[in-house]
Amino acid sequence: MTINFEELIKNMVAPLVVNPNDIVVKTLDEDEELLTIQVLVNKEDLGRVIGKNGKIAQAIRTIAYAGASKEGKRIKIDIDSF
């Protein structure tokens, strides 16, 4: 069963933000080993997604890494605002 990482990450980020309709999660690059995903949120919500000292962003990455390793891949997640 293949994991939909875009949907997984969007579902983790949505409860954290004030503007859930502004969340954009897209796959930038995918090959056999590495998957690169970009997460864009409203500028007001960037701090909520990153968290103090990056702890929330790291937790999101850890969950995604676990799913990716189960499929034999690595994942890179870029979090930014627009």
Protein backbone atom coordinates (compact mmCIF):
# COMPACT_ATOMS: atom_id res chain seq x y z
CA MET A 1 0.00 0.00 0.00
CA THR A 2 1.46 3.32 -1.06
CA ILE A 3 1.27 6.23 1.37
CA ASN A 4 -0.06 9.53 0.04
CA PHE A 5 2.46 11.82 1.73
CA GLU A 6 0.81 15.02 0.49
CA GLU A 7 -2.47 14.06 2.17
CA LEU A 8 -0.69 12.82 5.31
CA ILE A 9 1.22 16.06 5.79
CA LYS A 10 -1.80 18.23 4.99
CA ASN A 11 -3.83 16.35 7.61
CA MET A 12 -1.09 16.92 10.21
CA VAL A 13 -0.71 20.64 9.43
CA ALA A 14 -4.41 21.60 9.09
CA PRO A 15 -5.30 21.47 12.82
CA LEU A 16 -2.29 23.66 13.67
CA VAL A 17 -3.16 26.68 11.52
CA VAL A 18 -5.74 29.46 11.63
CA ASN A 19 -6.12 29.48 7.82
CA PRO A 20 -6.43 25.81 6.79
CA ASN A 21 -7.68 26.75 3.30
CA ASP A 22 -4.29 28.36 2.56
CA ILE A 23 -2.31 25.13 2.99
CA VAL A 24 -0.56 23.96 -0.18
CA VAL A 25 1.29 20.65 -0.14
CA LYS A 26 2.95 19.53 -3.35
CA THR A 27 5.54 17.04 -4.45
CA LEU A 28 8.48 18.85 -6.03
CA ASP A 29 10.60 15.87 -6.97
CA GLU A 30 10.26 12.13 -6.73
CA ASP A 31 12.65 9.40 -7.75
CA GLU A 32 13.27 5.88 -6.53
CA GLU A 33 15.08 6.94 -3.35
CA LEU A 34 14.13 10.53 -2.48
CA LEU A 35 10.81 12.33 -2.28
CA THR A 36 10.84 16.12 -1.89
CA ILE A 37 7.67 17.79 -0.62
CA GLN A 38 7.00 21.49 -0.20
CA VAL A 39 4.52 22.77 2.37
CA LEU A 40 3.28 26.33 1.96
CA VAL A 41 1.16 28.01 4.63
CA ASN A 42 -0.12 31.51 5.26
CA LYS A 43 2.54 33.83 6.65
CA GLU A 44 0.57 34.16 9.90
CA ASP A 45 0.63 30.39 10.41
CA LEU A 46 4.30 29.69 9.71
CA GLY A 47 5.29 29.96 13.38
CA ARG A 48 2.53 27.57 14.41
CA VAL A 49 3.70 24.93 11.93
CA ILE A 50 7.39 25.25 12.78
CA GLY A 51 6.83 25.53 16.53
CA LYS A 52 9.18 26.65 19.25
CA ASN A 53 12.74 25.65 18.32
CA GLY A 54 11.31 23.73 15.34
CA LYS A 55 9.79 20.99 17.48
CA ILE A 56 6.47 20.72 15.61
CA ALA A 57 8.18 20.71 12.20
CA GLN A 58 10.54 18.03 13.45
CA ALA A 59 7.62 15.92 14.70
CA ILE A 60 5.92 16.19 11.29
CA ARG A 61 9.16 15.18 9.58
CA THR A 62 9.66 12.24 11.96
CA ILE A 63 6.23 10.80 11.17
CA ALA A 64 6.77 11.26 7.42
CA TYR A 65 10.27 9.72 7.65
CA ALA A 66 8.81 6.65 9.35
CA GLY A 67 6.29 6.16 6.55
CA ALA A 68 8.90 6.74 3.86
CA SER A 69 11.37 4.29 5.37
CA LYS A 70 8.63 1.67 5.41
CA GLU A 71 8.48 2.11 1.61
CA GLY A 72 12.27 2.12 1.27
CA LYS A 73 12.50 5.83 0.47
CA ARG A 74 13.82 9.00 2.03
CA ILE A 75 11.73 12.15 2.30
CA LYS A 76 12.64 15.83 2.49
CA ILE A 77 10.03 18.33 3.64
CA ASP A 78 10.43 22.08 3.05
CA ILE A 79 8.10 24.31 5.09
CA ASP A 80 7.64 27.90 3.97
CA SER A 81 5.04 30.67 3.72
CA PHE A 82 3.65 32.64 0.81
